[in-house]
C-alpha atoms as a PDB file:
ATOM      1  CA  MET A   1       3.754 -10.246  20.771  1.00  0.00           C
ATOM      2  CA  GLU A   2       4.362  -6.527  21.139  1.00  0.00           C
ATOM      3  CA  MET A   3       1.756  -3.921  20.202  1.00  0.00           C
ATOM      4  CA  PHE A   4       2.293  -0.203  19.638  1.00  0.00           C
ATOM      5  CA  GLU A   5       1.035   2.739  17.600  1.00  0.00           C
ATOM      6  CA  LEU A   6       2.844   4.782  14.983  1.00  0.00           C
ATOM      7  CA  HIS A   7       1.775   8.401  14.663  1.00  0.00           C
ATOM      8  CA  THR A   8       2.317   9.658  11.114  1.00  0.00           C
ATOM      9  CA  ALA A   9       1.504  13.087   9.711  1.00  0.00           C
ATOM     10  CA  ASN A  10      -2.112  12.186   8.966  1.00  0.00           C
ATOM     11  CA  GLN A  11      -2.993   8.907  10.683  1.00  0.00           C
ATOM     12  CA  VAL A  12      -2.302   6.527  13.539  1.00  0.00           C
ATOM     13  CA  LEU A  13      -1.180   3.039  12.561  1.00  0.00           C
ATOM     14  CA  LYS A  14      -1.585   0.061  14.878  1.00  0.00           C
ATOM     15  CA  VAL A  15       1.385  -2.332  14.833  1.00  0.00           C
ATOM     16  CA  GLU A  16       1.708  -5.884  16.137  1.00  0.00           C
ATOM     17  CA  ALA A  17       5.314  -7.160  16.249  1.00  0.00           C
ATOM     18  CA  PHE A  18       5.821 -10.923  16.423  1.00  0.00           C
ATOM     19  CA  THR A  19       8.315 -13.645  15.548  1.00  0.00           C
ATOM     20  CA  LEU A  20       7.540 -16.511  13.179  1.00  0.00           C
ATOM     21  CA  SER A  21      10.086 -19.194  12.296  1.00  0.00           C
ATOM     22  CA  GLY A  22      12.855 -16.990  13.637  1.00  0.00           C
ATOM     23  CA  HIS A  23      11.853 -13.939  11.578  1.00  0.00           C
ATOM     24  CA  ARG A  24      10.637 -10.664  13.093  1.00  0.00           C
ATOM     25  CA  LEU A  25       7.389  -9.570  11.419  1.00  0.00           C
ATOM     26  CA  PHE A  26       5.210  -6.501  11.836  1.00  0.00           C
ATOM     27  CA  ARG A  27       1.478  -6.444  11.072  1.00  0.00           C
ATOM     28  CA  ILE A  28       0.255  -2.912  10.427  1.00  0.00           C
ATOM     29  CA  THR A  29      -3.425  -2.001  10.577  1.00  0.00           C
ATOM     30  CA  PHE A  30      -4.528   1.218   8.880  1.00  0.00           C
ATOM     31  CA  PRO A  31      -7.448   3.350  10.138  1.00  0.00           C
ATOM     32  CA  ASP A  32      -8.806   3.957   6.625  1.00  0.00           C
ATOM     33  CA  LYS A  33      -9.675   0.280   6.052  1.00  0.00           C
ATOM     34  CA  THR A  34      -6.663  -0.319   3.774  1.00  0.00           C
ATOM     35  CA  LEU A  35      -5.836  -4.028   3.923  1.00  0.00           C
ATOM     36  CA  PRO A  36      -3.445  -4.813   6.786  1.00  0.00           C
ATOM     37  CA  LEU A  37       0.222  -4.996   5.816  1.00  0.00           C
ATOM     38  CA  VAL A  38       2.759  -7.534   7.088  1.00  0.00           C
ATOM     39  CA  ILE A  39       6.395  -6.512   6.677  1.00  0.00           C
ATOM     40  CA  THR A  40       9.844  -7.775   7.611  1.00  0.00           C
ATOM     41  CA  ARG A  41      13.480  -6.870   7.035  1.00  0.00           C
ATOM     42  CA  ALA A  42      15.212  -8.797   4.259  1.00  0.00           C
ATOM     43  CA  THR A  43      18.773  -8.826   2.962  1.00  0.00           C
ATOM     44  CA  HIS A  44      19.830  -7.935  -0.598  1.00  0.00           C
ATOM     45  CA  ALA A  45      22.381 -10.167  -2.317  1.00  0.00           C
ATOM     46  CA  ASN A  46      24.965  -7.436  -1.592  1.00  0.00           C
ATOM     47  CA  GLY A  47      24.215  -7.625   2.143  1.00  0.00           C
ATOM     48  CA  GLY A  48      22.106  -4.460   2.447  1.00  0.00           C
ATOM     49  CA  LEU A  49      18.861  -4.533   4.427  1.00  0.00           C
ATOM     50  CA  PHE A  50      15.460  -3.473   3.125  1.00  0.00           C
ATOM     51  CA  TRP A  51      11.819  -3.659   4.187  1.00  0.00           C
ATOM     52  CA  THR A  52       9.513  -5.955   2.232  1.00  0.00           C
ATOM     53  CA  SER A  53       5.913  -7.084   2.478  1.00  0.00           C
ATOM     54  CA  VAL A  54       4.805 -10.643   3.136  1.00  0.00           C
ATOM     55  CA  PRO A  55       3.613 -11.699   0.642  1.00  0.00           C
ATOM     56  CA  GLU A  56       5.547  -9.448  -1.730  1.00  0.00           C
ATOM     57  CA  GLY A  57       3.749  -6.850  -3.805  1.00  0.00           C
ATOM     58  CA  ARG A  58       3.380  -3.754  -1.612  1.00  0.00           C
ATOM     59  CA  GLN A  59       7.011  -2.660  -1.698  1.00  0.00           C
ATOM     60  CA  ALA A  60       6.610   1.133  -1.620  1.00  0.00           C
ATOM     61  CA  LEU A  61       4.244   0.997   1.360  1.00  0.00           C
ATOM     62  CA  SER A  62       6.525  -1.520   3.107  1.00  0.00           C
ATOM     63  CA  GLU A  63       9.570   0.721   2.794  1.00  0.00           C
ATOM     64  CA  GLN A  64       7.686   3.793   3.991  1.00  0.00           C
ATOM     65  CA  THR A  65       6.100   2.030   6.970  1.00  0.00           C
ATOM     66  CA  GLY A  66       9.383   0.309   7.832  1.00  0.00           C
ATOM     67  CA  LEU A  67      11.019   3.721   8.268  1.00  0.00           C
ATOM     68  CA  PHE A  68       8.320   4.658  10.794  1.00  0.00           C
ATOM     69  CA  ILE A  69       9.023   1.430  12.706  1.00  0.00           C
ATOM     70  CA  GLU A  70      12.758   2.174  12.726  1.00  0.00           C
ATOM     71  CA  SER A  71      12.055   5.653  14.113  1.00  0.00           C
ATOM     72  CA  TYR A  72       9.800   4.191  16.802  1.00  0.00           C
ATOM     73  CA  TYR A  73      12.532   1.864  18.055  1.00  0.00           C
ATOM     74  CA  LYS A  74      15.193   4.610  17.951  1.00  0.00           C
ATOM     75  CA  ILE A  75      13.013   6.875  20.091  1.00  0.00           C
ATOM     76  CA  LYS A  76      12.140   3.979  22.412  1.00  0.00           C
ATOM     77  CA  LYS A  77      15.844   3.386  23.235  1.00  0.00           C
END
């Protein structure tokens, strides 16, 4: 398990990255007591990738937070 923080414009998110059944998942904890969010990358039928929550239902937040995770890994390289 990997742990790191994401610094957004107005808050710091705590992220735990882990693998479950061969899938990379990210559990995000918010400082404002919002329920934690678990997200992963999924593939559209056309082959494109997108971020989605597990379980589904928090799509907008998943996509936004996923972009922060992508930025984190780009900077880390």
